[in-house]
Protein backbone atom coordinates (compact mmCIF):
# COMPACT_ATOMS: atom_id res chain seq x y z
CA MET A 1 -9.81 13.16 -12.09
CA LYS A 2 -12.88 11.06 -11.19
CA LYS A 3 -11.61 8.17 -13.34
CA PHE A 4 -8.23 8.37 -11.67
CA LYS A 5 -9.77 8.37 -8.18
CA SER A 6 -11.73 5.27 -9.15
CA THR A 7 -8.48 3.62 -10.23
CA ILE A 8 -6.82 4.51 -6.94
CA VAL A 9 -9.79 3.15 -4.99
CA ALA A 10 -9.56 -0.10 -6.97
CA VAL A 11 -5.82 -0.38 -6.28
CA ALA A 12 -6.43 0.27 -2.58
CA MET A 13 -9.06 -2.47 -2.51
CA ILE A 14 -6.66 -4.87 -4.20
CA PHE A 15 -4.02 -3.82 -1.68
CA ALA A 16 -6.34 -4.68 1.20
CA THR A 17 -7.78 -7.92 -0.21
CA ALA A 18 -4.43 -9.30 -1.37
CA MET A 19 -3.68 -10.08 2.26
CA HIS A 20 -6.45 -12.68 2.24
CA ALA A 21 -5.92 -14.24 -1.22
CA GLN A 22 -2.97 -16.53 -0.62
CA ASP A 23 -2.11 -20.13 0.19
CA VAL A 24 1.03 -19.49 2.25
CA GLU A 25 0.13 -18.74 5.87
CA PRO A 26 0.97 -15.23 7.08
CA THR A 27 3.17 -14.70 10.11
CA PHE A 28 2.40 -12.47 13.08
CA GLU A 29 4.67 -11.25 15.84
CA GLN A 30 4.08 -9.03 18.84
CA LYS A 31 5.98 -5.70 18.74
CA GLY A 32 5.02 -3.88 21.94
CA GLU A 33 1.39 -2.79 21.55
CA LEU A 34 1.48 -3.62 17.83
CA ILE A 35 1.29 -6.89 15.95
CA LYS A 36 3.44 -7.14 12.83
CA GLY A 37 1.82 -9.09 10.01
CA THR A 38 3.72 -10.45 7.03
CA TYR A 39 1.88 -11.95 4.05
CA TYR A 40 3.54 -14.05 1.38
CA TYR A 41 3.28 -15.08 -2.25
CA GLU A 42 3.00 -18.81 -2.93
CA ASP A 43 6.76 -18.91 -3.64
CA GLY A 44 7.52 -17.51 -0.16
CA ASN A 45 8.42 -13.96 -1.21
CA ILE A 46 6.87 -11.20 0.88
CA ARG A 47 3.65 -9.77 -0.58
CA GLN A 48 2.80 -7.25 2.16
CA GLU A 49 3.92 -6.32 5.63
CA GLY A 50 2.72 -3.91 8.25
CA THR A 51 1.28 -3.64 11.73
CA TYR A 52 -2.05 -3.87 13.50
CA LYS A 53 -3.23 -2.06 16.61
CA ASN A 54 -6.36 -3.24 18.40
CA GLY A 55 -7.11 -5.52 15.43
CA LYS A 56 -7.00 -2.67 12.88
CA LEU A 57 -4.43 -1.74 10.26
CA HIS A 58 -2.08 0.76 11.86
CA GLY A 59 1.15 2.43 10.76
CA GLU A 60 2.97 1.86 7.49
CA TRP A 61 2.04 -1.02 5.19
CA VAL A 62 4.31 -1.94 2.30
CA SER A 63 3.27 -4.05 -0.69
CA TYR A 64 5.79 -5.79 -2.96
CA LYS A 65 5.76 -7.24 -6.45
CA GLN A 66 6.58 -10.93 -6.63
CA ASN A 67 10.15 -10.03 -7.67
CA GLY A 68 10.65 -8.11 -4.39
CA GLU A 69 10.28 -4.55 -5.72
CA LYS A 70 8.03 -2.21 -3.74
CA ASN A 71 4.82 -1.30 -5.54
CA ALA A 72 2.88 0.49 -2.80
CA ILE A 73 3.26 2.15 0.58
CA ALA A 74 0.20 3.00 2.66
CA LYS A 75 -0.41 4.51 6.09
CA TYR A 76 -3.19 3.83 8.56
CA GLU A 77 -4.18 5.11 11.98
CA GLU A 78 -6.26 2.40 13.64
CA GLY A 79 -7.92 1.39 10.38
CA ILE A 80 -8.26 4.91 8.95
CA LYS A 81 -6.39 5.75 5.74
CA THR A 82 -4.12 8.70 6.39
CA GLY A 83 -1.22 10.67 5.02
CA LYS A 84 0.60 10.04 1.77
CA TRP A 85 0.25 6.75 -0.06
CA PHE A 86 2.56 5.86 -2.95
CA PHE A 87 1.98 3.50 -5.87
CA TRP A 88 4.70 2.59 -8.38
CA SER A 89 4.22 1.33 -11.91
CA ASP A 90 6.80 0.97 -14.68
CA ASP A 91 7.29 4.69 -15.29
CA ILE A 92 4.78 6.47 -13.02
CA LEU A 93 4.79 7.25 -9.32
CA THR A 94 1.36 8.10 -7.97
CA GLU A 95 1.08 9.98 -4.69
CA VAL A 96 -2.32 9.93 -3.01
CA ASP A 97 -2.96 12.19 -0.01
CA TYR A 98 -5.63 11.02 2.43
CA SER A 99 -7.48 13.26 4.87
CA ASP A 100 -10.31 12.02 7.10
CA ASN A 101 -10.12 8.59 5.37
CA ARG A 102 -10.86 10.20 1.97
CA ILE A 103 -8.74 11.06 -1.03
CA ALA A 104 -7.77 14.72 -0.74
CA GLU A 105 -5.30 14.97 -3.63
CA VAL A 106 -3.68 12.80 -6.29
CA LYS A 107 -0.37 13.59 -7.99
CA ASN A 108 1.35 11.67 -10.77
CA TYR A 109 5.04 11.80 -11.53
CA LYS A 110 6.31 10.38 -14.80
CA ASN A 111 9.88 9.17 -15.16
CA THR A 112 11.21 10.37 -18.50
CA LYS A 113 14.72 8.98 -17.77
CA THR A 114 16.07 12.53 -17.76
CA LEU A 115 13.50 14.48 -15.78
CA VAL A 116 10.53 13.75 -13.56
CA ILE A 117 7.40 15.48 -14.82
CA ARG A 118 4.35 16.09 -12.64
CA ASP A 119 0.95 15.81 -14.39
């Protein structure tokens, strides 16, 4: 479990730093009290999108593969990781539950083409 938590932490760090490792300028638009940020791959496809509140990540953030498929969904409350986060790979869905900005539980679901199996 410790190894898996380390993997999730690494993915979360990549998720956060990917917003800054790009050549295409992000776009920002005011949405009431929130600011929607959209970050792009070099080819113009969306890399990540979500909102900020008071300069902090807030609400749902979605990350996409370069081909447009979702590969992660995260939730923040004014910069604090919260709720259920989801990470997709080829045949595994990982659900990470956050409580008080810490990992509370990790669940893996494997797609066997006929049945989803929880590890």
